[in-house]
N, C-alpha and C. Protein backbone atom coordinates (compact mmCIF):
# COMPACT_ATOMS: atom_id res chain seq x y z
N MET A 1 -7.18 -62.36 -44.03
CA MET A 1 -8.51 -61.86 -43.73
C MET A 1 -8.42 -60.58 -42.95
N SER A 2 -9.42 -59.76 -43.08
CA SER A 2 -9.42 -58.48 -42.37
C SER A 2 -10.09 -58.64 -41.03
N ASP A 3 -9.91 -57.67 -40.14
CA ASP A 3 -10.50 -57.68 -38.83
C ASP A 3 -11.89 -57.04 -38.84
N GLU A 4 -12.35 -56.66 -40.03
CA GLU A 4 -13.65 -55.98 -40.13
C GLU A 4 -14.78 -56.95 -39.81
N THR A 5 -15.73 -56.48 -39.02
CA THR A 5 -16.90 -57.27 -38.67
C THR A 5 -17.85 -57.28 -39.84
N PRO A 6 -18.50 -58.40 -40.17
CA PRO A 6 -19.45 -58.45 -41.27
C PRO A 6 -20.56 -57.40 -41.06
N LYS A 7 -21.11 -56.90 -42.17
CA LYS A 7 -22.11 -55.86 -42.13
C LYS A 7 -23.53 -56.37 -41.95
N THR A 8 -23.71 -57.58 -41.48
CA THR A 8 -25.04 -58.18 -41.35
C THR A 8 -25.17 -58.95 -40.06
N ASP A 9 -26.41 -59.09 -39.63
CA ASP A 9 -26.70 -59.90 -38.46
C ASP A 9 -27.02 -61.34 -38.82
N ASP A 10 -27.23 -61.59 -40.11
CA ASP A 10 -27.57 -62.92 -40.58
C ASP A 10 -26.29 -63.78 -40.57
N PRO A 11 -26.27 -64.86 -39.79
CA PRO A 11 -25.04 -65.66 -39.72
C PRO A 11 -24.65 -66.34 -41.03
N MET A 12 -25.63 -66.73 -41.84
CA MET A 12 -25.34 -67.37 -43.13
C MET A 12 -24.67 -66.36 -44.09
N VAL A 13 -25.20 -65.16 -44.13
CA VAL A 13 -24.64 -64.12 -45.02
C VAL A 13 -23.25 -63.77 -44.51
N ALA A 14 -23.04 -63.65 -43.21
CA ALA A 14 -21.75 -63.34 -42.66
C ALA A 14 -20.73 -64.43 -43.02
N ALA A 15 -21.15 -65.69 -42.96
CA ALA A 15 -20.26 -66.79 -43.34
C ALA A 15 -19.93 -66.74 -44.81
N LEU A 16 -20.92 -66.44 -45.64
CA LEU A 16 -20.67 -66.32 -47.09
C LEU A 16 -19.71 -65.20 -47.39
N LEU A 17 -19.83 -64.07 -46.69
CA LEU A 17 -18.93 -62.94 -46.90
C LEU A 17 -17.49 -63.31 -46.51
N ARG A 18 -17.36 -64.05 -45.41
CA ARG A 18 -16.02 -64.48 -45.01
C ARG A 18 -15.45 -65.48 -46.00
N GLU A 19 -16.29 -66.39 -46.49
CA GLU A 19 -15.85 -67.35 -47.48
C GLU A 19 -15.39 -66.66 -48.75
N ARG A 20 -16.20 -65.67 -49.20
CA ARG A 20 -15.86 -64.92 -50.41
C ARG A 20 -14.54 -64.18 -50.24
N GLU A 21 -14.33 -63.62 -49.05
CA GLU A 21 -13.09 -62.90 -48.78
C GLU A 21 -11.89 -63.84 -48.90
N GLY A 22 -12.06 -65.07 -48.47
CA GLY A 22 -10.96 -66.02 -48.57
C GLY A 22 -10.65 -66.44 -49.99
N TYR A 23 -11.67 -66.50 -50.84
CA TYR A 23 -11.49 -66.90 -52.23
C TYR A 23 -11.07 -65.75 -53.15
N ALA A 24 -11.50 -64.54 -52.84
CA ALA A 24 -11.28 -63.39 -53.72
C ALA A 24 -9.77 -63.17 -53.93
N GLY A 25 -9.42 -62.98 -55.18
CA GLY A 25 -8.03 -62.69 -55.54
C GLY A 25 -7.15 -63.91 -55.67
N ARG A 26 -7.68 -65.08 -55.38
CA ARG A 26 -6.87 -66.31 -55.49
C ARG A 26 -7.04 -66.89 -56.89
N LYS A 27 -5.91 -67.22 -57.47
CA LYS A 27 -5.92 -67.74 -58.82
C LYS A 27 -6.64 -69.10 -58.84
N GLY A 28 -7.54 -69.30 -59.80
CA GLY A 28 -8.24 -70.57 -59.95
C GLY A 28 -9.48 -70.68 -59.09
N LYS A 29 -9.84 -69.65 -58.33
CA LYS A 29 -11.01 -69.72 -57.44
C LYS A 29 -12.12 -68.79 -57.92
N GLU A 30 -12.02 -68.30 -59.15
CA GLU A 30 -13.02 -67.37 -59.65
C GLU A 30 -14.41 -68.01 -59.71
N ASP A 31 -14.46 -69.30 -60.05
CA ASP A 31 -15.76 -69.98 -60.11
C ASP A 31 -16.40 -70.11 -58.72
N ARG A 32 -15.58 -70.30 -57.71
CA ARG A 32 -16.08 -70.37 -56.33
C ARG A 32 -16.59 -69.02 -55.86
N VAL A 33 -15.90 -67.95 -56.24
CA VAL A 33 -16.34 -66.60 -55.91
C VAL A 33 -17.70 -66.33 -56.54
N GLU A 34 -17.88 -66.76 -57.78
CA GLU A 34 -19.16 -66.58 -58.47
C GLU A 34 -20.28 -67.35 -57.76
N ALA A 35 -19.98 -68.57 -57.31
CA ALA A 35 -20.99 -69.35 -56.61
C ALA A 35 -21.40 -68.69 -55.28
N VAL A 36 -20.42 -68.16 -54.56
CA VAL A 36 -20.73 -67.46 -53.32
C VAL A 36 -21.54 -66.19 -53.59
N ASP A 37 -21.17 -65.45 -54.65
CA ASP A 37 -21.92 -64.26 -55.02
C ASP A 37 -23.37 -64.60 -55.37
N GLU A 38 -23.59 -65.73 -56.03
CA GLU A 38 -24.95 -66.17 -56.37
C GLU A 38 -25.73 -66.43 -55.09
N GLN A 39 -25.13 -67.09 -54.11
CA GLN A 39 -25.82 -67.36 -52.86
C GLN A 39 -26.12 -66.06 -52.11
N LEU A 40 -25.23 -65.11 -52.16
CA LEU A 40 -25.49 -63.81 -51.53
C LEU A 40 -26.66 -63.11 -52.18
N ARG A 41 -26.70 -63.16 -53.52
CA ARG A 41 -27.84 -62.53 -54.25
C ARG A 41 -29.14 -63.18 -53.90
N LEU A 42 -29.14 -64.52 -53.78
CA LEU A 42 -30.38 -65.24 -53.41
C LEU A 42 -30.86 -64.84 -52.04
N ARG A 43 -29.94 -64.43 -51.15
CA ARG A 43 -30.31 -64.00 -49.81
C ARG A 43 -30.53 -62.51 -49.72
N GLY A 44 -30.39 -61.80 -50.86
CA GLY A 44 -30.69 -60.37 -50.88
C GLY A 44 -29.54 -59.47 -50.52
N TYR A 45 -28.31 -59.91 -50.74
CA TYR A 45 -27.14 -59.12 -50.42
C TYR A 45 -26.21 -59.03 -51.64
N THR A 46 -25.42 -57.94 -51.67
CA THR A 46 -24.41 -57.77 -52.69
C THR A 46 -23.13 -58.41 -52.20
N PRO A 47 -22.13 -58.61 -53.08
CA PRO A 47 -20.86 -59.15 -52.63
C PRO A 47 -20.13 -58.27 -51.61
N ASP A 48 -20.51 -57.02 -51.52
CA ASP A 48 -19.94 -56.08 -50.54
C ASP A 48 -20.59 -56.21 -49.18
N GLY A 49 -21.71 -57.00 -49.09
CA GLY A 49 -22.40 -57.17 -47.83
C GLY A 49 -23.53 -56.19 -47.61
N GLU A 50 -23.85 -55.41 -48.66
CA GLU A 50 -24.94 -54.45 -48.57
C GLU A 50 -26.25 -55.13 -48.90
N ARG A 51 -27.31 -54.76 -48.20
CA ARG A 51 -28.65 -55.33 -48.44
C ARG A 51 -29.19 -54.78 -49.74
N ILE A 52 -29.77 -55.66 -50.58
CA ILE A 52 -30.37 -55.23 -51.84
C ILE A 52 -31.76 -54.78 -51.55
N VAL A 53 -32.11 -53.57 -52.00
CA VAL A 53 -33.45 -53.01 -51.77
C VAL A 53 -34.34 -53.45 -52.92
N GLU A 54 -35.48 -54.08 -52.57
CA GLU A 54 -36.42 -54.54 -53.61
C GLU A 54 -37.56 -53.54 -53.73
N ASP A 55 -38.03 -53.36 -54.97
CA ASP A 55 -39.07 -52.41 -55.26
C ASP A 55 -40.46 -52.92 -54.91
N SER A 56 -40.70 -54.23 -55.05
CA SER A 56 -42.02 -54.80 -54.79
C SER A 56 -41.95 -55.77 -53.65
N ALA A 57 -43.04 -55.93 -52.95
CA ALA A 57 -43.13 -56.87 -51.86
C ALA A 57 -43.27 -58.30 -52.39
N PRO A 58 -42.44 -59.24 -52.01
CA PRO A 58 -42.53 -60.59 -52.56
C PRO A 58 -43.69 -61.39 -52.03
N ASP A 59 -44.32 -60.96 -50.90
CA ASP A 59 -45.43 -61.70 -50.33
C ASP A 59 -46.73 -61.50 -51.10
N GLU A 60 -46.85 -60.44 -51.86
CA GLU A 60 -48.06 -60.19 -52.59
C GLU A 60 -48.13 -61.12 -53.81
N PRO A 61 -49.32 -61.68 -54.12
CA PRO A 61 -49.43 -62.55 -55.31
C PRO A 61 -49.27 -61.75 -56.59
N GLN A 62 -48.68 -62.36 -57.55
CA GLN A 62 -48.48 -61.74 -58.86
C GLN A 62 -49.82 -61.60 -59.57
N ALA A 63 -49.95 -60.60 -60.43
CA ALA A 63 -51.16 -60.39 -61.17
C ALA A 63 -51.38 -61.59 -62.11
N GLY A 64 -52.59 -62.13 -62.10
CA GLY A 64 -52.90 -63.27 -62.94
C GLY A 64 -52.50 -64.60 -62.30
N GLY A 65 -51.91 -64.57 -61.13
CA GLY A 65 -51.49 -65.79 -60.46
C GLY A 65 -52.65 -66.42 -59.73
N ASP A 66 -52.53 -67.71 -59.49
CA ASP A 66 -53.56 -68.42 -58.76
C ASP A 66 -53.26 -68.39 -57.28
N PRO A 67 -54.09 -67.74 -56.47
CA PRO A 67 -53.80 -67.64 -55.02
C PRO A 67 -53.87 -68.96 -54.30
N ASP A 68 -54.54 -69.96 -54.87
CA ASP A 68 -54.64 -71.27 -54.24
C ASP A 68 -53.40 -72.13 -54.43
N LYS A 69 -52.48 -71.73 -55.32
CA LYS A 69 -51.28 -72.50 -55.59
C LYS A 69 -50.37 -72.61 -54.37
N THR A 70 -50.41 -71.64 -53.46
CA THR A 70 -49.51 -71.66 -52.30
C THR A 70 -49.84 -72.79 -51.34
N SER A 71 -51.10 -73.22 -51.29
CA SER A 71 -51.48 -74.27 -50.35
C SER A 71 -51.47 -75.66 -50.98
N THR A 72 -50.97 -75.78 -52.18
CA THR A 72 -50.98 -77.08 -52.87
C THR A 72 -50.19 -78.15 -52.14
N SER A 73 -48.98 -77.80 -51.69
CA SER A 73 -48.15 -78.81 -51.05
C SER A 73 -48.77 -79.29 -49.75
N LYS A 74 -49.41 -78.40 -49.01
CA LYS A 74 -50.07 -78.79 -47.74
C LYS A 74 -51.23 -79.72 -48.05
N ALA A 75 -51.99 -79.41 -49.08
CA ALA A 75 -53.14 -80.25 -49.44
C ALA A 75 -52.66 -81.63 -49.91
N GLU A 76 -51.56 -81.66 -50.64
CA GLU A 76 -51.05 -82.95 -51.12
C GLU A 76 -50.61 -83.83 -49.97
N THR A 77 -49.98 -83.25 -48.95
CA THR A 77 -49.54 -84.08 -47.84
C THR A 77 -50.73 -84.52 -46.99
N GLU A 78 -51.78 -83.73 -46.94
CA GLU A 78 -52.95 -84.13 -46.16
C GLU A 78 -53.69 -85.26 -46.89
N ARG A 79 -53.67 -85.31 -48.21
CA ARG A 79 -54.37 -86.34 -48.98
C ARG A 79 -53.61 -87.66 -48.96
N ARG A 80 -52.32 -87.64 -48.74
CA ARG A 80 -51.52 -88.84 -48.82
C ARG A 80 -51.84 -89.76 -47.64
N SER A 81 -52.29 -90.94 -47.98
CA SER A 81 -52.61 -91.91 -46.91
C SER A 81 -51.63 -93.07 -46.85
N THR A 82 -50.84 -93.22 -47.90
CA THR A 82 -49.83 -94.29 -47.92
C THR A 82 -48.45 -93.64 -48.03
N PRO A 83 -47.44 -94.32 -47.54
CA PRO A 83 -46.10 -93.73 -47.64
C PRO A 83 -45.65 -93.70 -49.10
N PRO A 84 -44.67 -92.81 -49.42
CA PRO A 84 -44.18 -92.77 -50.78
C PRO A 84 -43.64 -94.07 -51.24
N LYS A 85 -43.56 -94.30 -52.54
CA LYS A 85 -43.07 -95.55 -53.14
C LYS A 85 -41.66 -95.82 -52.66
N GLY A 86 -41.41 -97.02 -52.20
CA GLY A 86 -40.09 -97.41 -51.73
C GLY A 86 -39.83 -97.11 -50.26
N ARG A 87 -40.81 -96.54 -49.59
CA ARG A 87 -40.64 -96.23 -48.16
C ARG A 87 -41.59 -97.09 -47.33
N GLN A 88 -41.05 -97.71 -46.34
CA GLN A 88 -41.89 -98.56 -45.49
C GLN A 88 -42.52 -97.68 -44.41
N ALA A 89 -43.78 -98.02 -44.08
CA ALA A 89 -44.49 -97.28 -43.03
C ALA A 89 -43.88 -97.62 -41.67
N ARG A 90 -43.76 -96.62 -40.81
CA ARG A 90 -43.30 -96.84 -39.45
C ARG A 90 -44.43 -97.46 -38.65
N SER A 91 -44.07 -98.00 -37.54
CA SER A 91 -45.09 -98.67 -36.72
C SER A 91 -46.13 -97.67 -36.21
N THR A 92 -45.77 -96.39 -36.11
CA THR A 92 -46.73 -95.39 -35.66
C THR A 92 -47.60 -94.86 -36.78
N GLU A 93 -47.23 -95.15 -38.02
CA GLU A 93 -48.00 -94.70 -39.18
C GLU A 93 -49.03 -95.76 -39.57
N THR A 94 -50.13 -95.32 -40.06
CA THR A 94 -51.12 -96.25 -40.57
C THR A 94 -51.24 -96.04 -42.05
N ALA A 95 -51.35 -97.11 -42.78
CA ALA A 95 -51.43 -97.03 -44.23
C ALA A 95 -52.83 -97.27 -44.73
């Protein structure tokens, strides 16, 4: 491993970069390098540790999208009055 400090303040990305460095160039570990690269891309980084610049803001709703879809999971949990199937209610929960 090199003594170079990771190029990010995000501890998860830094750990992924160190993990990738350990696997890179090792025979039979190409699939693991690809998996680490995928995780880096999901977090917005390249395998070199550079931040990926996005053209559009991800917080804005897509054209034609339903703006009420984001609150669906909250509404579902508020409507639930009984525990999920196979789960027993705790003594503090009311069914």
